[in-house]
């Protein structure tokens, strides 16, 4: 009986951890989408991408705190004249990446084909 309780406790812990991670990721995607919107507004106004987040009035990389937790670091990379990536870390060595060529968040790092049309 103790073994069943231990297994149930393990599954419950895994479920709660997964739920918390999912909530963390979704909250940070919303923040990331705000950064993406500012980049796209810059693109529309200047017909180019900013060289860094400083071009849209933010620090080179920005740490944002949600619900009094340690801040999440958001980063931006201009890949070429048309494409960029915005990302944040989720767990050690893992992250969520927004790719302008697909306008989607992905959980893996990949290359963007040079000067692929993104808007």
N, C-alpha and C. Protein backbone atom coordinates (compact mmCIF):
# COMPACT_ATOMS: atom_id res chain seq x y z
N UNK A 1 0.82 -1.19 0.00
CA UNK A 1 0.00 0.00 0.00
C UNK A 1 0.87 1.26 0.00
N UNK A 2 1.98 1.22 0.75
CA UNK A 2 2.86 2.38 0.78
C UNK A 2 3.45 2.64 -0.60
N UNK A 3 3.74 1.55 -1.32
CA UNK A 3 4.32 1.68 -2.65
C UNK A 3 3.34 2.39 -3.60
N UNK A 4 2.05 2.06 -3.52
CA UNK A 4 1.04 2.71 -4.36
C UNK A 4 0.94 4.20 -4.00
N UNK A 5 0.99 4.49 -2.70
CA UNK A 5 0.96 5.89 -2.27
C UNK A 5 2.17 6.66 -2.76
N UNK A 6 3.33 6.03 -2.74
CA UNK A 6 4.55 6.68 -3.23
C UNK A 6 4.47 6.95 -4.72
N UNK A 7 3.97 5.99 -5.46
CA UNK A 7 3.82 6.16 -6.91
C UNK A 7 2.81 7.25 -7.22
N UNK A 8 1.68 7.26 -6.49
CA UNK A 8 0.67 8.30 -6.70
C UNK A 8 1.23 9.67 -6.36
N UNK A 9 2.01 9.75 -5.30
CA UNK A 9 2.64 11.02 -4.92
C UNK A 9 3.63 11.49 -5.98
N UNK A 10 4.36 10.55 -6.55
CA UNK A 10 5.32 10.88 -7.61
C UNK A 10 4.60 11.42 -8.84
N UNK A 11 3.51 10.76 -9.23
CA UNK A 11 2.73 11.23 -10.38
C UNK A 11 2.10 12.59 -10.12
N UNK A 12 1.60 12.80 -8.91
CA UNK A 12 1.01 14.09 -8.55
C UNK A 12 2.07 15.18 -8.60
N UNK A 13 3.25 14.91 -8.07
CA UNK A 13 4.34 15.88 -8.11
C UNK A 13 4.73 16.22 -9.55
N UNK A 14 4.83 15.20 -10.39
CA UNK A 14 5.18 15.42 -11.80
C UNK A 14 4.11 16.25 -12.49
N UNK A 15 2.85 15.95 -12.21
CA UNK A 15 1.74 16.71 -12.80
C UNK A 15 1.79 18.17 -12.38
N UNK A 16 2.00 18.42 -11.10
CA UNK A 16 2.05 19.80 -10.61
C UNK A 16 3.24 20.56 -11.20
N UNK A 17 4.39 19.90 -11.27
CA UNK A 17 5.57 20.53 -11.86
C UNK A 17 5.33 20.87 -13.33
N UNK A 18 4.73 19.94 -14.07
CA UNK A 18 4.43 20.19 -15.49
C UNK A 18 3.43 21.32 -15.64
N UNK A 19 2.43 21.37 -14.78
CA UNK A 19 1.43 22.44 -14.84
C UNK A 19 2.06 23.79 -14.56
N UNK A 20 2.93 23.85 -13.55
CA UNK A 20 3.61 25.11 -13.22
C UNK A 20 4.51 25.56 -14.36
N UNK A 21 5.25 24.63 -14.96
CA UNK A 21 6.13 24.97 -16.08
C UNK A 21 5.32 25.48 -17.26
N UNK A 22 4.18 24.83 -17.55
CA UNK A 22 3.32 25.27 -18.64
C UNK A 22 2.82 26.69 -18.39
N UNK A 23 2.38 26.99 -17.18
CA UNK A 23 1.90 28.32 -16.83
C UNK A 23 3.03 29.35 -16.98
N UNK A 24 4.22 29.00 -16.51
CA UNK A 24 5.40 29.87 -16.63
C UNK A 24 5.69 30.18 -18.10
N UNK A 25 5.66 29.16 -18.93
CA UNK A 25 5.94 29.34 -20.35
C UNK A 25 4.88 30.23 -21.00
N UNK A 26 3.61 29.98 -20.71
CA UNK A 26 2.54 30.78 -21.32
C UNK A 26 2.60 32.23 -20.88
N UNK A 27 2.89 32.49 -19.62
CA UNK A 27 3.03 33.87 -19.15
C UNK A 27 4.18 34.57 -19.87
N UNK A 28 5.29 33.87 -20.01
CA UNK A 28 6.45 34.48 -20.66
C UNK A 28 6.27 34.63 -22.16
N UNK A 29 5.49 33.76 -22.78
CA UNK A 29 5.18 33.95 -24.21
C UNK A 29 4.41 35.25 -24.40
N UNK A 30 3.50 35.57 -23.48
CA UNK A 30 2.75 36.83 -23.58
C UNK A 30 3.70 38.02 -23.52
N UNK A 31 4.66 37.97 -22.60
CA UNK A 31 5.66 39.05 -22.53
C UNK A 31 6.48 39.08 -23.81
N UNK A 32 6.90 37.91 -24.27
CA UNK A 32 7.66 37.83 -25.51
C UNK A 32 6.88 38.37 -26.70
N UNK A 33 5.58 38.10 -26.74
CA UNK A 33 4.76 38.62 -27.83
C UNK A 33 4.69 40.15 -27.81
N UNK A 34 4.74 40.74 -26.62
CA UNK A 34 4.79 42.20 -26.52
C UNK A 34 6.09 42.73 -27.11
N UNK A 35 7.18 42.04 -26.85
CA UNK A 35 8.47 42.43 -27.44
C UNK A 35 8.41 42.29 -28.96
N UNK A 36 7.84 41.19 -29.44
CA UNK A 36 7.69 40.96 -30.88
C UNK A 36 6.86 42.08 -31.51
N UNK A 37 5.77 42.47 -30.86
CA UNK A 37 4.94 43.57 -31.38
C UNK A 37 5.75 44.86 -31.51
N UNK A 38 6.58 45.15 -30.52
CA UNK A 38 7.41 46.37 -30.58
C UNK A 38 8.44 46.28 -31.71
N UNK A 39 8.99 45.10 -31.93
CA UNK A 39 9.93 44.91 -33.04
C UNK A 39 9.21 45.12 -34.37
N UNK A 40 8.02 44.56 -34.50
CA UNK A 40 7.26 44.71 -35.75
C UNK A 40 6.82 46.16 -35.97
N UNK A 41 6.49 46.88 -34.91
CA UNK A 41 6.17 48.31 -35.04
C UNK A 41 7.40 49.08 -35.52
N UNK A 42 8.56 48.75 -34.98
CA UNK A 42 9.81 49.37 -35.43
C UNK A 42 10.04 49.07 -36.91
N UNK A 43 9.83 47.82 -37.30
CA UNK A 43 10.03 47.43 -38.70
C UNK A 43 9.10 48.23 -39.61
N UNK A 44 7.85 48.38 -39.22
CA UNK A 44 6.87 49.12 -40.04
C UNK A 44 7.26 50.59 -40.16
N UNK A 45 7.76 51.17 -39.09
CA UNK A 45 8.11 52.59 -39.10
C UNK A 45 9.43 52.88 -39.79
N UNK A 46 10.38 51.94 -39.75
CA UNK A 46 11.74 52.18 -40.24
C UNK A 46 12.13 51.34 -41.45
N UNK A 47 11.26 50.42 -41.86
CA UNK A 47 11.53 49.51 -42.96
C UNK A 47 12.82 48.71 -42.75
N UNK A 48 13.10 48.41 -41.49
CA UNK A 48 14.26 47.59 -41.14
C UNK A 48 14.04 47.06 -39.73
N UNK A 49 14.88 46.13 -39.34
CA UNK A 49 14.82 45.59 -37.98
C UNK A 49 15.77 46.37 -37.08
N UNK A 50 15.44 46.47 -35.79
CA UNK A 50 16.41 47.09 -34.87
C UNK A 50 17.64 46.19 -34.73
N UNK A 51 18.79 46.79 -34.51
CA UNK A 51 20.01 46.01 -34.32
C UNK A 51 20.01 45.30 -32.97
N UNK A 52 19.30 45.89 -32.01
CA UNK A 52 19.21 45.30 -30.67
C UNK A 52 17.90 45.75 -30.03
N UNK A 53 17.63 45.25 -28.85
CA UNK A 53 16.42 45.68 -28.14
C UNK A 53 16.49 47.15 -27.76
N UNK A 54 17.70 47.71 -27.71
CA UNK A 54 17.84 49.14 -27.42
C UNK A 54 17.13 49.97 -28.48
N UNK A 55 17.02 49.45 -29.70
CA UNK A 55 16.33 50.16 -30.78
C UNK A 55 14.84 50.33 -30.53
N UNK A 56 14.28 49.50 -29.65
CA UNK A 56 12.85 49.64 -29.31
C UNK A 56 12.69 50.13 -27.87
N UNK A 57 13.76 50.70 -27.33
CA UNK A 57 13.69 51.31 -26.00
C UNK A 57 13.88 50.37 -24.84
N UNK A 58 14.44 49.19 -25.07
CA UNK A 58 14.71 48.23 -24.00
C UNK A 58 16.20 48.03 -23.86
N UNK A 59 16.62 47.40 -22.76
CA UNK A 59 18.03 47.05 -22.59
C UNK A 59 18.41 46.01 -23.64
N UNK A 60 19.72 45.80 -23.82
CA UNK A 60 20.20 44.81 -24.80
C UNK A 60 19.54 43.46 -24.60
N UNK A 61 19.44 43.03 -23.38
CA UNK A 61 18.61 41.88 -23.00
C UNK A 61 17.82 42.37 -21.80
N UNK A 62 16.64 41.87 -21.64
CA UNK A 62 15.76 42.41 -20.62
C UNK A 62 15.32 41.32 -19.67
N UNK A 63 15.38 41.61 -18.38
CA UNK A 63 14.91 40.67 -17.36
C UNK A 63 13.59 41.19 -16.85
N UNK A 64 12.56 40.35 -16.95
CA UNK A 64 11.21 40.75 -16.55
C UNK A 64 10.76 39.83 -15.43
N UNK A 65 10.23 40.44 -14.36
CA UNK A 65 9.76 39.69 -13.21
C UNK A 65 8.24 39.58 -13.26
N UNK A 66 7.74 38.38 -13.11
CA UNK A 66 6.30 38.12 -13.08
C UNK A 66 5.98 37.51 -11.72
N UNK A 67 5.00 38.05 -11.04
CA UNK A 67 4.55 37.52 -9.74
C UNK A 67 5.66 37.41 -8.72
N UNK A 68 6.52 38.42 -8.64
CA UNK A 68 7.59 38.49 -7.63
C UNK A 68 8.55 37.30 -7.65
N UNK A 69 8.69 36.66 -8.80
CA UNK A 69 9.66 35.58 -8.93
C UNK A 69 10.94 36.18 -9.48
N UNK A 70 11.98 35.38 -9.48
CA UNK A 70 13.22 35.83 -10.13
C UNK A 70 12.88 36.17 -11.57
N UNK A 71 13.52 37.17 -12.10
CA UNK A 71 13.19 37.62 -13.44
C UNK A 71 13.56 36.62 -14.52
N UNK A 72 12.82 36.67 -15.62
CA UNK A 72 13.11 35.86 -16.80
C UNK A 72 13.86 36.74 -17.78
N UNK A 73 14.94 36.24 -18.30
CA UNK A 73 15.76 36.98 -19.25
C UNK A 73 15.25 36.75 -20.66
N UNK A 74 14.91 37.84 -21.35
CA UNK A 74 14.47 37.79 -22.75
C UNK A 74 15.60 38.33 -23.61
N UNK A 75 15.85 37.67 -24.72
CA UNK A 75 16.93 38.07 -25.62
C UNK A 75 16.41 38.20 -27.05
N UNK A 76 17.14 38.95 -27.85
CA UNK A 76 16.79 39.22 -29.24
C UNK A 76 18.03 39.06 -30.09
N UNK A 77 17.87 38.47 -31.25
CA UNK A 77 18.96 38.40 -32.21
C UNK A 77 18.42 38.73 -33.59
N UNK A 78 19.02 39.72 -34.22
CA UNK A 78 18.72 40.04 -35.61
C UNK A 78 19.54 39.07 -36.45
N UNK A 79 18.87 38.19 -37.19
CA UNK A 79 19.55 37.15 -37.96
C UNK A 79 20.07 37.72 -39.27
N UNK A 80 19.22 38.47 -39.95
CA UNK A 80 19.59 39.12 -41.21
C UNK A 80 18.66 40.32 -41.38
N UNK A 81 18.59 40.85 -42.58
CA UNK A 81 17.79 42.07 -42.78
C UNK A 81 16.29 41.84 -42.63
N UNK A 82 15.84 40.58 -42.69
CA UNK A 82 14.41 40.28 -42.62
C UNK A 82 13.97 39.49 -41.38
N UNK A 83 14.89 38.78 -40.77
CA UNK A 83 14.52 37.80 -39.74
C UNK A 83 15.19 38.05 -38.40
N UNK A 84 14.50 37.59 -37.36
CA UNK A 84 15.01 37.72 -36.00
C UNK A 84 14.47 36.59 -35.14
N UNK A 85 15.08 36.46 -33.97
CA UNK A 85 14.66 35.49 -32.97
C UNK A 85 14.52 36.23 -31.64
N UNK A 86 13.46 35.93 -30.89
CA UNK A 86 13.30 36.37 -29.51
C UNK A 86 13.20 35.10 -28.69
N UNK A 87 13.89 35.05 -27.54
CA UNK A 87 13.83 33.83 -26.75
C UNK A 87 13.97 34.11 -25.26
N UNK A 88 13.55 33.10 -24.49
CA UNK A 88 13.72 33.10 -23.04
C UNK A 88 13.97 31.68 -22.59
N UNK A 89 14.65 31.52 -21.45
CA UNK A 89 14.93 30.20 -20.91
C UNK A 89 13.75 29.64 -20.14
N UNK A 90 13.59 28.33 -20.21
CA UNK A 90 12.51 27.67 -19.47
C UNK A 90 13.08 26.82 -18.33
N UNK A 91 14.01 25.96 -18.63
CA UNK A 91 14.71 25.17 -17.63
C UNK A 91 16.17 25.15 -18.04
N UNK A 92 17.01 24.61 -17.21
CA UNK A 92 18.44 24.61 -17.49
C UNK A 92 18.73 24.04 -18.88
N UNK A 93 19.28 24.87 -19.74
CA UNK A 93 19.64 24.44 -21.08
C UNK A 93 18.51 24.38 -22.08
N UNK A 94 17.31 24.78 -21.68
CA UNK A 94 16.15 24.73 -22.56
C UNK A 94 15.56 26.13 -22.69
N UNK A 95 14.81 26.36 -23.75
CA UNK A 95 14.19 27.66 -23.94
C UNK A 95 13.02 27.61 -24.89
N UNK A 96 12.37 28.76 -25.03
CA UNK A 96 11.31 28.95 -26.02
C UNK A 96 11.81 30.02 -26.97
N UNK A 97 11.63 29.78 -28.26
CA UNK A 97 12.19 30.64 -29.30
C UNK A 97 11.07 31.09 -30.24
N UNK A 98 11.01 32.41 -30.45
CA UNK A 98 10.07 32.96 -31.44
C UNK A 98 10.86 33.21 -32.71
N UNK A 99 10.41 32.61 -33.80
CA UNK A 99 11.07 32.77 -35.10
C UNK A 99 10.21 33.65 -35.99
N UNK A 100 10.78 34.73 -36.48
CA UNK A 100 10.00 35.65 -37.31
C UNK A 100 9.64 35.06 -38.66
N UNK A 101 10.40 34.06 -39.15
CA UNK A 101 10.06 33.49 -40.46
C UNK A 101 8.75 32.70 -40.42
N UNK A 102 8.42 32.13 -39.27
CA UNK A 102 7.17 31.37 -39.14
C UNK A 102 6.15 32.08 -38.24
N UNK A 103 6.62 33.10 -37.52
CA UNK A 103 5.79 33.81 -36.54
C UNK A 103 5.22 32.86 -35.49
N UNK A 104 6.05 31.91 -35.06
CA UNK A 104 5.64 30.90 -34.10
C UNK A 104 6.70 30.74 -33.00
N UNK A 105 6.22 30.36 -31.82
CA UNK A 105 7.12 29.96 -30.74
C UNK A 105 7.43 28.48 -30.90
N UNK A 106 8.69 28.11 -30.70
CA UNK A 106 9.11 26.72 -30.78
C UNK A 106 9.98 26.41 -29.58
N UNK A 107 10.04 25.14 -29.23
CA UNK A 107 10.84 24.77 -28.06
C UNK A 107 12.22 24.22 -28.45
N UNK A 108 12.65 24.53 -29.65
CA UNK A 108 13.97 24.07 -30.08
C UNK A 108 14.67 25.19 -30.85
N UNK A 109 15.97 25.21 -30.73
CA UNK A 109 16.78 26.18 -31.45
C UNK A 109 17.02 25.63 -32.85
N UNK A 110 16.82 26.47 -33.86
CA UNK A 110 17.06 26.05 -35.24
C UNK A 110 17.56 27.25 -36.03
N UNK A 111 18.06 26.98 -37.19
CA UNK A 111 18.53 28.05 -38.08
C UNK A 111 17.35 28.60 -38.87
N UNK A 112 17.45 29.88 -39.21
CA UNK A 112 16.48 30.50 -40.12
C UNK A 112 17.20 30.64 -41.46
N UNK A 113 16.58 30.16 -42.55
CA UNK A 113 17.21 30.34 -43.86
C UNK A 113 17.47 31.83 -44.13
N UNK A 114 18.63 32.14 -44.63
CA UNK A 114 19.03 33.54 -44.86
C UNK A 114 18.02 34.27 -45.72
N UNK A 115 17.64 35.46 -45.26
CA UNK A 115 16.72 36.37 -45.95
C UNK A 115 15.43 35.71 -46.42
N UNK A 116 14.94 34.74 -45.63
CA UNK A 116 13.63 34.17 -45.97
C UNK A 116 12.57 35.21 -45.61
N UNK A 117 11.60 35.32 -46.47
CA UNK A 117 10.55 36.33 -46.30
C UNK A 117 9.76 36.06 -45.02
N UNK A 118 9.60 37.09 -44.17
CA UNK A 118 8.93 36.85 -42.90
C UNK A 118 7.79 37.81 -42.63
N UNK A 119 7.53 38.75 -43.53
CA UNK A 119 6.40 39.64 -43.25
C UNK A 119 5.67 40.02 -44.50
